[in-house]
Amino acid sequence: MSSFGYHLTGLVRMAGGPELRLPPRAERHALIFIAEGSGRIAIGRYGSSFGPMKLYWCRPGDELKLHPAPGQPVCLYRISFDIIRLPSSEAGPAGSDGDPTASWGVRELTLVHPGKVSRLVRALDAALRGGAAHVFFQVQSLFYELLHLVVPRPGAGAGCEPAARMEDVVAYAREHYADELPRGKLAAMAGVHPDHFTRLFRKTTGSGYVDFIANIRIAKAHERLLTTKDSLLEIARHVGYKDEFYFSRKFKQIVGTAPAIYRKKPKSIFSLASIYTAGLLAVGHVPPVGSMTPWLSRRYDGALRQGALKPFYWDTCDIGQLKEQPRPDIILCHDMQFDEAQMDRLRGIAPTIAIPFDSMDWREQFAAVAELAGEAANARDWLDRYDARIESAKVRIARQVDRRETVLILEIWSDELMVYGDTYGRAGHILYRSFGLAAPRNVRERVMAGTGYLHIGLEQLGEYDADLLFLIVHEDKASRRTASLLKRSEEWSALRAVQDGRVYEFDGGLFYGCDPVSTEAQLQQIVRSLSESSR
């Protein structure tokens, strides 16, 4: 690190439940230390499951995504810093014009002394919170001590350099599978002779180089056969084959079925995300294996009792156990659910489709899932019936809710208070989008214009005052206790909706989801509650 200076610019402690998120894009270099909790993190193209005592790094401009596991409160520290090139007289003999982070490897840094790292991070946090001018040198000293512990030093492990480089070569091959990838080019990237490269590649991946590329290409072809209407020639060229006939032979050799026949046959689907399990069930397709929520399992108790569906819960599955089940045609998950290594394991079982979680709304996800199951027409009919129910419901609730009035969605989960907008379930997509009801100004400006949700303190509750309040409370003891304390507070009593008797309380398990089954049940409860109330 001698050619560069590292200047600490800030430290932010972040804590929360399932909706905790990082800023969408890094503005500076940063270290992200996970102190508590588990889930999934993505930094640029790197993705991984995370747990406590993990450390990651990012560059300015990297896209950041964090998805805590349900029921797993997360505490993390985001440590921002600038890298400053030192004048040559200060750089010393190790000076270099390259990017110093180039030698840091993948975005997770190995912690040899996790306890010491944790203590240093907390000490940094405490020193910065003190705010006194004299602590500047103290925090910089602590920061450099932290960097010394966690940042790989150039030259460390040089004897294993080719093997270490192979991970980057394999990652490059995965990303550029459709390009011409001569063995000599990749061997040069690894810094080894082509013959040694072949042996090293097999040792690293467990597969020969030619078979490795062919399997990736056919897996990607699988996905396009399932998710597009492209011709076989278009798919062949997209995955790196110039000839559709050679592609068809290779596909049949690996899969056992010609691509044209594979595309038409009925599909057995493993659904590893509860929102997609619900979508399949809504069109009458019962997956042999499916992720469920407790509410969804109660809703489809009959299918579970008959053994038609083997459930697991909250989108957390043991990939090894999936191999013990009859092989499906498709595995469904969302795109922020598994890291690349886990996705490779899933693809080793069956073609795996990762449906976008953030960039598609619940209707688009439902249509995509139904299309994969061969139930596109049933999904369109379901959505048409839903739209008709919405129009009918709008007429009924118009007697209770004036279009000029505002509606607040407040969720209690454990000891957290969260305000929601028109995404992330909690019936926001029904109230704000389908019904067209108005959100309070601060919800529009701070929530809908931001991440779609916001953790608030009790003292902030009055800033989101509304004519109607939809209170969503989860069934665990901590949530019920928090709700009880909230209802006895002065802040609660001061709310306009509380004073006017226009608070509607709903079950957090049901109102958590934004899938077709949950949405339909949420709509029924909302209309019933509003219809039974009086102005």
Protein backbone atom coordinates (compact mmCIF):
# COMPACT_ATOMS: atom_id res chain seq x y z
CA MET A 1 0.00 0.00 0.00
CA SER A 2 3.09 2.27 0.02
CA SER A 3 2.37 4.01 -3.34
CA PHE A 4 -0.95 5.32 -2.12
CA GLY A 5 -2.51 7.04 0.85
CA TYR A 6 -5.82 5.86 2.31
CA HIS A 7 -7.99 8.58 3.82
CA LEU A 8 -10.98 7.60 5.94
CA THR A 9 -14.00 9.73 4.98
CA GLY A 10 -16.79 8.25 7.07
CA LEU A 11 -18.34 5.32 8.86
CA VAL A 12 -22.05 4.51 8.92
CA ARG A 13 -23.60 1.89 11.18
CA MET A 14 -26.73 0.36 9.64
CA ALA A 15 -29.16 -1.98 11.40
CA GLY A 16 -32.56 -3.34 10.50
CA GLY A 17 -34.73 -6.22 9.37
CA PRO A 18 -35.47 -7.82 5.99
CA GLU A 19 -35.82 -4.51 4.15
CA LEU A 20 -32.44 -3.06 5.16
CA ARG A 21 -30.65 -1.87 2.01
CA LEU A 22 -27.33 -0.37 1.04
CA PRO A 23 -27.16 2.74 -1.19
CA PRO A 24 -27.79 1.60 -4.78
CA ARG A 25 -24.33 2.69 -5.95
CA ALA A 26 -21.04 3.28 -4.11
CA GLU A 27 -19.81 6.86 -4.22
CA ARG A 28 -16.40 6.04 -2.71
CA HIS A 29 -14.22 3.08 -1.95
CA ALA A 30 -15.69 1.28 1.03
CA LEU A 31 -15.35 -1.66 3.35
CA ILE A 32 -18.61 -3.31 4.41
CA PHE A 33 -18.34 -5.26 7.65
CA ILE A 34 -21.25 -7.55 8.59
CA ALA A 35 -21.41 -7.71 12.37
CA GLU A 36 -24.69 -9.62 12.70
CA GLY A 37 -27.27 -11.34 10.51
CA SER A 38 -27.29 -13.27 7.26
CA GLY A 39 -28.62 -12.97 3.74
CA ARG A 40 -27.26 -12.12 0.33
CA ILE A 41 -25.03 -9.28 -0.91
CA ALA A 42 -24.12 -8.22 -4.45
CA ILE A 43 -21.31 -5.82 -5.33
CA GLY A 44 -21.05 -5.14 -9.03
CA ARG A 45 -20.99 -8.56 -10.69
CA TYR A 46 -19.95 -10.32 -7.50
CA GLY A 47 -22.68 -11.97 -5.46
CA SER A 48 -22.53 -14.05 -2.32
CA SER A 49 -24.44 -15.22 0.71
CA PHE A 50 -23.27 -13.41 3.83
CA GLY A 51 -23.17 -14.17 7.51
CA PRO A 52 -21.76 -12.52 10.64
CA MET A 53 -18.11 -11.47 10.75
CA LYS A 54 -17.78 -11.09 6.97
CA LEU A 55 -15.98 -8.22 5.23
CA TYR A 56 -16.48 -6.96 1.67
CA TRP A 57 -15.05 -4.09 -0.36
CA CYS A 58 -16.30 -1.98 -3.24
CA ARG A 59 -15.04 0.63 -5.69
CA PRO A 60 -16.72 3.94 -6.58
CA GLY A 61 -19.54 3.29 -9.03
CA ASP A 62 -20.15 -0.33 -7.98
CA GLU A 63 -23.80 -1.30 -7.79
CA LEU A 64 -24.69 -2.47 -4.27
CA LYS A 65 -27.54 -4.75 -3.28
CA LEU A 66 -28.30 -6.25 0.13
CA HIS A 67 -31.08 -8.73 0.89
CA PRO A 68 -31.19 -9.85 4.54
CA ALA A 69 -32.74 -13.24 5.20
CA PRO A 70 -36.31 -13.13 6.55
CA GLY A 71 -36.38 -12.97 10.32
CA GLN A 72 -32.65 -12.14 10.45
CA PRO A 73 -31.92 -8.61 11.77
CA VAL A 74 -28.68 -7.33 10.26
CA CYS A 75 -26.09 -4.95 11.68
CA LEU A 76 -23.32 -3.73 9.39
CA TYR A 77 -20.71 -0.97 9.18
CA ARG A 78 -19.99 0.84 5.90
CA ILE A 79 -16.51 2.41 6.07
CA SER A 80 -15.87 4.90 3.25
CA PHE A 81 -12.42 6.05 2.19
CA ASP A 82 -10.49 7.74 -0.61
CA ILE A 83 -7.32 6.40 -2.19
CA ILE A 84 -4.76 9.13 -2.88
CA ARG A 85 -1.69 8.63 -5.07
CA LEU A 86 1.42 9.73 -3.17
CA PRO A 87 4.21 11.80 -4.75
CA SER A 88 7.09 9.63 -5.91
CA SER A 89 9.28 10.84 -3.06
CA GLU A 90 6.75 9.49 -0.57
CA ALA A 91 5.81 6.34 -2.42
CA GLY A 92 9.01 4.44 -1.77
CA PRO A 93 10.46 1.67 -3.97
CA ALA A 94 7.16 -0.18 -4.20
CA GLY A 95 5.50 2.70 -6.12
CA SER A 96 3.19 1.63 -8.91
CA ASP A 97 0.87 3.36 -11.35
CA GLY A 98 -1.75 0.60 -11.13
CA ASP A 99 -4.99 0.44 -9.20
CA PRO A 100 -4.07 -0.70 -5.67
CA THR A 101 -7.35 -2.59 -5.33
CA ALA A 102 -6.46 -4.77 -8.33
CA SER A 103 -4.58 -7.11 -6.00
CA TRP A 104 -7.42 -7.35 -3.48
CA GLY A 105 -9.08 -10.24 -5.31
CA VAL A 106 -12.81 -10.99 -5.11
CA ARG A 107 -15.06 -8.64 -3.17
CA GLU A 108 -14.97 -10.69 0.02
CA LEU A 109 -11.81 -10.24 2.07
CA THR A 110 -10.55 -13.17 4.12
CA LEU A 111 -10.44 -12.42 7.83
CA VAL A 112 -7.62 -14.20 9.63
CA HIS A 113 -8.45 -12.37 12.88
CA PRO A 114 -12.21 -11.66 12.74
CA GLY A 115 -12.45 -10.81 16.43
CA LYS A 116 -9.74 -8.18 16.15
CA VAL A 117 -11.34 -6.76 13.00
CA SER A 118 -14.66 -6.47 14.83
CA ARG A 119 -13.03 -4.66 17.74
CA LEU A 120 -11.24 -2.24 15.40
CA VAL A 121 -14.43 -1.43 13.50
CA ARG A 122 -16.34 -0.76 16.72
CA ALA A 123 -13.48 1.33 18.05
CA LEU A 124 -13.54 3.39 14.85
CA ASP A 125 -17.28 3.88 15.23
CA ALA A 126 -16.93 4.97 18.84
CA ALA A 127 -14.07 7.39 18.06
CA LEU A 128 -15.95 9.01 15.18
CA ARG A 129 -19.08 9.39 17.28
CA GLY A 130 -17.01 11.31 19.81
CA GLY A 131 -16.60 14.08 17.26
CA ALA A 132 -13.61 15.82 18.92
CA ALA A 133 -10.98 17.33 16.63
CA HIS A 134 -8.13 15.57 18.39
CA VAL A 135 -9.42 12.12 17.38
CA PHE A 136 -8.45 12.62 13.71
CA PHE A 137 -5.07 10.96 14.09
CA GLN A 138 -6.57 8.27 16.32
CA VAL A 139 -9.16 7.22 13.76
CA GLN A 140 -6.65 7.30 10.89
CA SER A 141 -4.35 5.09 12.97
CA LEU A 142 -7.19 2.67 13.69
CA PHE A 143 -8.15 2.68 10.01
CA TYR A 144 -4.62 1.86 8.86
CA GLU A 145 -4.43 -0.91 11.44
CA LEU A 146 -7.66 -2.31 10.00
CA LEU A 147 -6.33 -2.13 6.43
CA HIS A 148 -3.11 -3.84 7.50
CA LEU A 149 -5.17 -6.74 8.88
CA VAL A 150 -7.52 -7.25 5.95
CA VAL A 151 -5.97 -6.00 2.69
CA PRO A 152 -3.89 -8.55 0.74
CA ARG A 153 -0.31 -7.35 0.32
CA PRO A 154 1.37 -7.54 -3.10
CA GLY A 155 3.67 -10.52 -3.32
CA ALA A 156 1.95 -12.49 -0.57
CA GLY A 157 1.58 -16.09 -1.65
CA ALA A 158 3.53 -15.53 -4.90
CA GLY A 159 4.41 -19.20 -5.07
CA CYS A 160 0.75 -20.01 -5.67
CA GLU A 161 0.22 -17.20 -8.20
CA PRO A 162 -0.88 -19.39 -11.20
CA ALA A 163 -3.40 -21.28 -9.10
CA ALA A 164 -4.71 -18.03 -7.66
CA ARG A 165 -5.00 -16.57 -11.16
CA MET A 166 -7.02 -19.57 -12.32
CA GLU A 167 -10.02 -18.32 -10.32
CA ASP A 168 -9.97 -15.13 -12.39
CA VAL A 169 -9.55 -17.13 -15.61
CA VAL A 170 -12.49 -19.37 -14.75
CA ALA A 171 -14.60 -16.29 -13.93
CA TYR A 172 -13.56 -14.78 -17.28
CA ALA A 173 -14.56 -17.97 -19.12
CA ARG A 174 -17.95 -17.98 -17.40
CA GLU A 175 -18.60 -14.40 -18.45
CA HIS A 176 -17.29 -14.73 -22.02
CA TYR A 177 -18.58 -18.26 -22.75
CA ALA A 178 -20.06 -17.16 -26.11
CA ASP A 179 -16.74 -15.75 -27.39
CA GLU A 180 -13.92 -17.55 -29.12
CA LEU A 181 -11.79 -18.75 -26.21
CA PRO A 182 -8.63 -20.41 -27.51
CA ARG A 183 -6.75 -22.35 -24.90
CA GLY A 184 -3.58 -20.35 -25.53
CA LYS A 185 -5.28 -17.06 -24.65
CA LEU A 186 -6.57 -18.33 -21.32
CA ALA A 187 -3.25 -20.05 -20.55
CA ALA A 188 -1.51 -16.70 -21.09
CA MET A 189 -3.99 -15.04 -18.71
CA ALA A 190 -3.07 -17.65 -16.09
CA GLY A 191 0.63 -17.25 -16.80
CA VAL A 192 1.24 -20.94 -17.52
CA HIS A 193 2.08 -23.20 -20.48
CA PRO A 194 -1.05 -24.42 -22.39
CA ASP A 195 -0.39 -28.04 -21.40
CA HIS A 196 -0.12 -27.11 -17.74
CA PHE A 197 -3.19 -24.91 -18.12
CA THR A 198 -5.28 -27.94 -19.14
CA ARG A 199 -4.28 -29.85 -16.01
CA LEU A 200 -4.69 -26.78 -13.78
CA PHE A 201 -8.12 -25.99 -15.22
CA ARG A 202 -9.37 -29.51 -14.53
CA LYS A 203 -7.96 -29.37 -11.00
CA THR A 204 -9.68 -26.01 -10.39
CA THR A 205 -13.11 -26.80 -11.89
CA GLY A 206 -13.31 -30.61 -11.83
CA SER A 207 -14.01 -30.52 -15.55
CA GLY A 208 -12.06 -30.39 -18.78
CA TYR A 209 -11.84 -27.00 -20.48
CA VAL A 210 -13.88 -27.98 -23.58
CA ASP A 211 -16.62 -29.68 -21.55
CA PHE A 212 -16.74 -26.76 -19.13
CA ILE A 213 -17.47 -24.24 -21.91
CA ALA A 214 -19.93 -26.58 -23.65
CA ASN A 215 -21.90 -27.13 -20.45
CA ILE A 216 -22.16 -23.39 -19.81
CA ARG A 217 -23.30 -22.76 -23.38
CA ILE A 218 -25.96 -25.47 -23.25
CA ALA A 219 -27.15 -24.26 -19.83
CA LYS A 220 -27.54 -20.74 -21.25
CA ALA A 221 -29.32 -22.21 -24.27
CA HIS A 222 -31.69 -23.97 -21.86
CA GLU A 223 -32.58 -20.63 -20.33
CA ARG A 224 -33.25 -19.00 -23.70
CA LEU A 225 -35.37 -21.93 -24.86
CA LEU A 226 -37.46 -21.48 -21.73
CA THR A 227 -37.66 -17.69 -21.58
CA THR A 228 -37.63 -16.48 -25.22
CA LYS A 229 -39.25 -17.30 -28.55
CA ASP A 230 -35.91 -17.04 -30.39
CA SER A 231 -35.26 -19.47 -33.23
CA LEU A 232 -32.74 -22.27 -32.76
CA LEU A 233 -30.28 -20.41 -34.98
CA GLU A 234 -30.62 -17.23 -32.89
CA ILE A 235 -30.09 -19.20 -29.69
CA ALA A 236 -27.12 -21.08 -31.16
CA ARG A 237 -25.40 -17.84 -32.14
CA HIS A 238 -26.23 -16.19 -28.83
CA VAL A 239 -24.46 -18.90 -26.84
CA GLY A 240 -21.44 -19.19 -29.13
CA TYR A 241 -22.32 -21.73 -31.86
CA LYS A 242 -22.34 -20.59 -35.49
CA ASP A 243 -24.25 -23.65 -36.73
CA GLU A 244 -27.73 -24.50 -35.41
CA PHE A 245 -27.33 -28.16 -36.47
CA TYR A 246 -24.13 -28.58 -34.46
CA PHE A 247 -25.86 -26.79 -31.57
CA SER A 248 -28.81 -29.22 -31.76
CA ARG A 249 -26.49 -32.24 -31.73
CA LYS A 250 -24.53 -30.84 -28.78
CA PHE A 251 -27.75 -30.03 -26.90
CA LYS A 252 -29.11 -33.55 -27.39
CA GLN A 253 -25.75 -35.06 -26.41
CA ILE A 254 -25.77 -33.21 -23.06
CA VAL A 255 -29.51 -33.00 -22.30
CA GLY A 256 -30.76 -36.18 -23.94
CA THR A 257 -33.50 -34.41 -25.93
CA ALA A 258 -33.39 -32.29 -29.07
CA PRO A 259 -33.96 -28.59 -28.32
CA ALA A 260 -37.11 -28.34 -30.45
CA ILE A 261 -38.71 -31.24 -28.55
CA TYR A 262 -37.49 -29.99 -25.17
CA ARG A 263 -39.12 -26.63 -25.76
CA LYS A 264 -42.59 -28.15 -26.26
CA LYS A 265 -42.76 -30.77 -23.51
CA PRO A 266 -44.50 -30.12 -20.13
CA LYS A 267 -42.11 -28.99 -17.43
CA SER A 268 -41.57 -30.14 -13.85
CA ILE A 269 -40.53 -27.12 -11.77
CA PHE A 270 -38.76 -26.68 -8.45
CA SER A 271 -39.65 -23.21 -7.09
CA LEU A 272 -37.07 -21.88 -4.63
CA ALA A 273 -38.84 -18.53 -4.04
CA SER A 274 -42.22 -18.35 -2.30
CA ILE A 275 -43.51 -15.60 -4.62
CA TYR A 276 -43.03 -17.95 -7.58
CA THR A 277 -44.45 -20.95 -5.74
CA ALA A 278 -47.60 -18.90 -5.17
CA GLY A 279 -47.70 -17.92 -8.83
CA LEU A 280 -47.56 -21.57 -9.88
CA LEU A 281 -50.26 -22.55 -7.41
CA ALA A 282 -52.49 -19.71 -8.60
CA VAL A 283 -52.66 -21.27 -12.08
CA GLY A 284 -53.09 -24.82 -10.77
CA HIS A 285 -49.51 -25.99 -11.26
CA VAL A 286 -48.32 -27.74 -8.08
CA PRO A 287 -44.50 -27.88 -8.00
CA PRO A 288 -43.03 -31.04 -6.45
CA VAL A 289 -40.68 -28.83 -4.38
CA GLY A 290 -41.51 -25.25 -3.41
CA SER A 291 -40.55 -22.48 -1.03
CA MET A 292 -43.44 -21.37 1.18
CA THR A 293 -44.27 -18.81 3.82
CA PRO A 294 -46.17 -20.03 6.89
CA TRP A 295 -49.31 -18.23 5.65
CA LEU A 296 -49.03 -19.78 2.19
CA SER A 297 -48.59 -23.26 3.68
CA ARG A 298 -51.80 -22.83 5.67
CA ARG A 299 -53.58 -21.67 2.51
CA TYR A 300 -52.50 -24.81 0.62
CA ASP A 301 -52.64 -27.23 3.53
CA GLY A 302 -54.42 -29.82 1.36
CA ALA A 303 -51.60 -30.09 -1.17
CA LEU A 304 -49.09 -30.43 1.65
CA ARG A 305 -51.12 -33.11 3.39
CA GLN A 306 -51.38 -35.11 0.18
CA GLY A 307 -47.62 -34.93 -0.28
CA ALA A 308 -47.96 -33.34 -3.70
CA LEU A 309 -45.68 -30.48 -2.67
CA LYS A 310 -42.54 -30.84 -0.55
CA PRO A 311 -42.14 -27.46 1.20
CA PHE A 312 -39.30 -25.51 2.71
CA TYR A 313 -39.67 -22.07 4.22
CA TRP A 314 -38.58 -18.45 3.72
CA ASP A 315 -36.63 -19.13 0.51
CA THR A 316 -33.83 -20.97 2.32
CA CYS A 317 -33.09 -24.44 0.95
CA ASP A 318 -30.34 -27.02 1.20
CA ILE A 319 -29.08 -27.44 -2.36
CA GLY A 320 -27.65 -30.83 -1.45
CA GLN A 321 -31.11 -32.07 -0.48
CA LEU A 322 -32.51 -30.97 -3.84
CA LYS A 323 -30.29 -33.55 -5.48
CA GLU A 324 -32.13 -36.26 -3.55
CA GLN A 325 -35.42 -35.36 -5.29
CA PRO A 326 -36.47 -36.53 -8.77
CA ARG A 327 -34.72 -34.29 -11.29
CA PRO A 328 -36.92 -31.35 -12.42
CA ASP A 329 -36.93 -29.73 -15.84
CA ILE A 330 -36.56 -26.23 -14.37
CA ILE A 331 -35.41 -24.65 -11.13
CA LEU A 332 -36.88 -21.21 -10.40
CA CYS A 333 -35.34 -18.61 -8.10
CA HIS A 334 -34.99 -14.84 -8.05
CA ASP A 335 -31.86 -13.07 -9.17
CA MET A 336 -30.71 -11.95 -5.71
CA GLN A 337 -31.16 -15.30 -3.99
CA PHE A 338 -27.95 -17.25 -4.65
CA ASP A 339 -24.31 -16.49 -5.36
CA GLU A 340 -22.59 -17.69 -8.51
CA ALA A 341 -21.16 -20.83 -6.91
CA GLN A 342 -24.61 -21.79 -5.65
CA MET A 343 -26.13 -21.07 -9.06
CA ASP A 344 -23.57 -23.40 -10.62
CA ARG A 345 -24.61 -26.14 -8.18
CA LEU A 346 -28.26 -25.56 -9.07
CA ARG A 347 -27.48 -25.65 -12.80
CA GLY A 348 -25.76 -28.98 -12.17
CA ILE A 349 -29.15 -30.30 -11.07
CA ALA A 350 -31.35 -28.72 -13.76
CA PRO A 351 -31.63 -25.56 -15.91
CA THR A 352 -32.04 -22.68 -13.49
CA ILE A 353 -33.98 -19.50 -14.24
CA ALA A 354 -33.36 -16.47 -12.03
CA ILE A 355 -36.31 -14.09 -12.44
CA PRO A 356 -35.55 -10.42 -11.67
CA PHE A 357 -36.66 -9.47 -8.17
CA ASP A 358 -36.43 -5.67 -8.24
CA SER A 359 -36.95 -4.78 -11.89
CA MET A 360 -40.23 -6.66 -12.49
CA ASP A 361 -43.49 -6.03 -10.64
CA TRP A 362 -45.61 -8.87 -9.25
CA ARG A 363 -47.80 -9.08 -12.37
CA GLU A 364 -44.79 -9.41 -14.68
CA GLN A 365 -43.22 -12.04 -12.42
CA PHE A 366 -46.50 -13.98 -12.31
CA ALA A 367 -46.79 -13.92 -16.11
CA ALA A 368 -43.18 -15.11 -16.51
CA VAL A 369 -43.64 -17.99 -14.05
CA ALA A 370 -46.90 -19.07 -15.69
CA GLU A 371 -45.26 -18.97 -19.12
CA LEU A 372 -42.55 -21.37 -17.94
CA ALA A 373 -45.22 -23.74 -16.62
CA GLY A 374 -47.17 -23.61 -19.89
CA GLU A 375 -50.01 -21.78 -18.13
CA ALA A 376 -49.77 -18.34 -19.77
CA ALA A 377 -53.44 -18.35 -20.77
CA ASN A 378 -54.53 -19.21 -17.22
CA ALA A 379 -52.38 -16.36 -15.86
CA ARG A 380 -53.98 -13.87 -18.27
CA ASP A 381 -57.45 -15.06 -17.22
CA TRP A 382 -56.47 -14.73 -13.54
CA LEU A 383 -55.22 -11.17 -14.05
CA ASP A 384 -58.38 -10.24 -15.97
CA ARG A 385 -60.53 -11.51 -13.09
CA TYR A 386 -58.33 -9.66 -10.59
CA ASP A 387 -58.68 -6.40 -12.53
CA ALA A 388 -62.47 -6.84 -12.53
CA ARG A 389 -62.42 -7.38 -8.76
CA ILE A 390 -60.34 -4.23 -8.36
CA GLU A 391 -62.87 -2.17 -10.29
CA SER A 392 -65.71 -3.56 -8.19
CA ALA A 393 -63.75 -2.95 -4.98
CA LYS A 394 -63.02 0.67 -5.94
CA VAL A 395 -66.74 1.33 -6.15
CA ARG A 396 -67.34 -0.23 -2.72
CA ILE A 397 -64.55 1.56 -0.88
CA ALA A 398 -65.43 4.92 -2.44
CA ARG A 399 -68.17 5.17 0.20
CA GLN A 400 -65.57 4.96 2.98
CA VAL A 401 -62.51 6.67 1.49
CA ASP A 402 -62.49 10.03 -0.22
CA ARG A 403 -59.92 10.21 -3.03
CA ARG A 404 -58.47 13.35 -1.41
CA GLU A 405 -57.68 11.49 1.84
CA THR A 406 -54.29 9.95 2.58
CA VAL A 407 -53.39 6.38 3.58
CA LEU A 408 -50.33 5.27 5.58
CA ILE A 409 -48.96 1.69 5.62
CA LEU A 410 -47.06 0.99 8.85
CA GLU A 411 -45.50 -2.40 9.59
CA ILE A 412 -44.30 -3.74 12.94
CA TRP A 413 -41.76 -6.54 12.73
CA SER A 414 -39.97 -7.43 15.96
CA ASP A 415 -39.00 -4.04 17.44
CA GLU A 416 -38.92 -2.22 14.10
CA LEU A 417 -41.39 0.34 12.72
CA MET A 418 -41.36 0.54 8.93
CA VAL A 419 -43.28 2.73 6.48
CA TYR A 420 -43.98 1.29 3.02
CA GLY A 421 -44.74 2.75 -0.37
CA ASP A 422 -46.18 1.04 -3.43
CA THR A 423 -43.59 -1.77 -3.69
CA TYR A 424 -42.36 -4.63 -1.48
CA GLY A 425 -45.84 -6.00 -0.77
CA ARG A 426 -47.67 -4.94 2.40
CA ALA A 427 -50.64 -4.17 0.09
CA GLY A 428 -48.95 -1.00 -1.18
CA HIS A 429 -49.42 -2.23 -4.74
CA ILE A 430 -53.17 -2.53 -4.07
CA LEU A 431 -53.78 0.67 -2.11
CA TYR A 432 -51.55 3.06 -4.01
CA ARG A 433 -51.39 1.53 -7.48
CA SER A 434 -54.62 -0.42 -8.07
CA PHE A 435 -56.92 1.78 -5.95
CA GLY A 436 -55.04 4.99 -6.71
CA LEU A 437 -55.23 6.17 -3.09
CA ALA A 438 -52.94 8.97 -1.95
CA ALA A 439 -49.91 8.57 0.30
CA PRO A 440 -48.87 11.30 2.76
CA ARG A 441 -46.40 13.77 1.32
CA ASN A 442 -43.48 12.46 3.35
CA VAL A 443 -44.21 8.90 2.17
CA ARG A 444 -44.11 10.08 -1.45
CA GLU A 445 -40.92 12.09 -0.99
CA ARG A 446 -38.95 9.91 1.44
CA VAL A 447 -40.23 6.40 0.73
CA MET A 448 -41.62 6.07 -2.79
CA ALA A 449 -38.90 8.27 -4.26
CA GLY A 450 -36.27 6.20 -2.43
CA THR A 451 -35.99 2.53 -1.59
CA GLY A 452 -39.73 1.88 -1.26
CA TYR A 453 -39.62 1.42 2.53
CA LEU A 454 -38.20 3.32 5.50
CA HIS A 455 -37.29 2.43 9.09
CA ILE A 456 -38.55 5.11 11.45
CA GLY A 457 -38.36 5.82 15.16
CA LEU A 458 -41.43 6.34 17.31
CA GLU A 459 -40.63 10.03 17.56
CA GLN A 460 -40.93 10.31 13.73
CA LEU A 461 -44.39 8.74 13.52
CA GLY A 462 -46.22 12.07 13.46
CA GLU A 463 -44.29 13.08 10.32
CA TYR A 464 -46.28 10.47 8.38
CA ASP A 465 -49.74 11.29 9.76
CA ALA A 466 -52.60 10.25 7.48
CA ASP A 467 -56.39 10.04 7.36
CA LEU A 468 -56.31 6.23 7.34
CA LEU A 469 -53.71 3.91 8.86
CA PHE A 470 -53.11 0.33 7.73
CA LEU A 471 -51.20 -1.35 10.57
CA ILE A 472 -49.47 -4.62 9.70
CA VAL A 473 -48.31 -6.65 12.70
CA HIS A 474 -46.40 -9.94 12.54
CA GLU A 475 -47.45 -12.80 14.78
CA ASP A 476 -44.23 -13.30 16.77
CA LYS A 477 -44.13 -12.23 20.42
CA ALA A 478 -41.65 -9.40 19.86
CA SER A 479 -43.87 -7.82 17.19
CA ARG A 480 -46.97 -8.13 19.37
CA ARG A 481 -45.11 -6.58 22.29
CA THR A 482 -43.93 -3.67 20.13
CA ALA A 483 -47.49 -3.14 18.86
CA SER A 484 -48.82 -3.08 22.42
CA LEU A 485 -46.23 -0.50 23.49
CA LEU A 486 -46.92 1.58 20.39
CA LYS A 487 -50.66 1.73 21.10
CA ARG A 488 -50.00 3.02 24.62
CA SER A 489 -47.71 5.83 23.44
CA GLU A 490 -48.53 9.52 23.15
CA GLU A 491 -47.26 9.51 19.56
CA TRP A 492 -49.87 6.89 18.63
CA SER A 493 -52.71 8.73 20.36
CA ALA A 494 -51.84 11.92 18.51
CA LEU A 495 -52.34 10.35 15.06
CA ARG A 496 -55.36 11.60 13.14
CA ALA A 497 -56.41 8.09 12.05
CA VAL A 498 -56.29 6.86 15.67
CA GLN A 499 -58.41 9.75 16.91
CA ASP A 500 -60.97 9.22 14.12
CA GLY A 501 -61.14 5.44 14.61
CA ARG A 502 -59.80 4.71 11.13
CA VAL A 503 -57.00 2.25 11.95
CA TYR A 504 -57.16 -1.13 10.20
CA GLU A 505 -54.94 -3.89 11.55
CA PHE A 506 -53.83 -6.88 9.45
CA ASP A 507 -51.74 -10.03 9.82
CA GLY A 508 -48.10 -9.57 8.85
CA GLY A 509 -47.83 -13.10 7.46
CA LEU A 510 -50.58 -12.52 4.91
CA PHE A 511 -49.65 -8.93 4.05
CA TYR A 512 -45.93 -9.74 3.66
CA GLY A 513 -46.26 -11.07 0.11
CA CYS A 514 -46.90 -9.46 -3.27
CA ASP A 515 -47.67 -12.66 -5.18
CA PRO A 516 -51.05 -13.48 -6.79
CA VAL A 517 -52.35 -15.63 -3.93
CA SER A 518 -51.41 -13.16 -1.19
CA THR A 519 -52.61 -10.20 -3.25
CA GLU A 520 -56.03 -11.75 -3.79
CA ALA A 521 -56.44 -12.48 -0.06
CA GLN A 522 -55.16 -9.01 0.88
CA LEU A 523 -57.71 -7.42 -1.45
CA GLN A 524 -60.55 -9.38 0.17
CA GLN A 525 -59.51 -8.37 3.68
CA ILE A 526 -59.05 -4.70 2.76
CA VAL A 527 -62.48 -4.46 1.14
CA ARG A 528 -64.14 -6.32 4.03
CA SER A 529 -62.48 -4.10 6.66
CA LEU A 530 -63.32 -0.86 4.88
CA SER A 531 -66.87 -1.95 4.05
CA GLU A 532 -67.59 -2.89 7.66
CA SER A 533 -66.32 0.45 8.99
CA SER A 534 -68.41 3.58 9.23
CA ARG A 535 -67.29 7.17 8.64
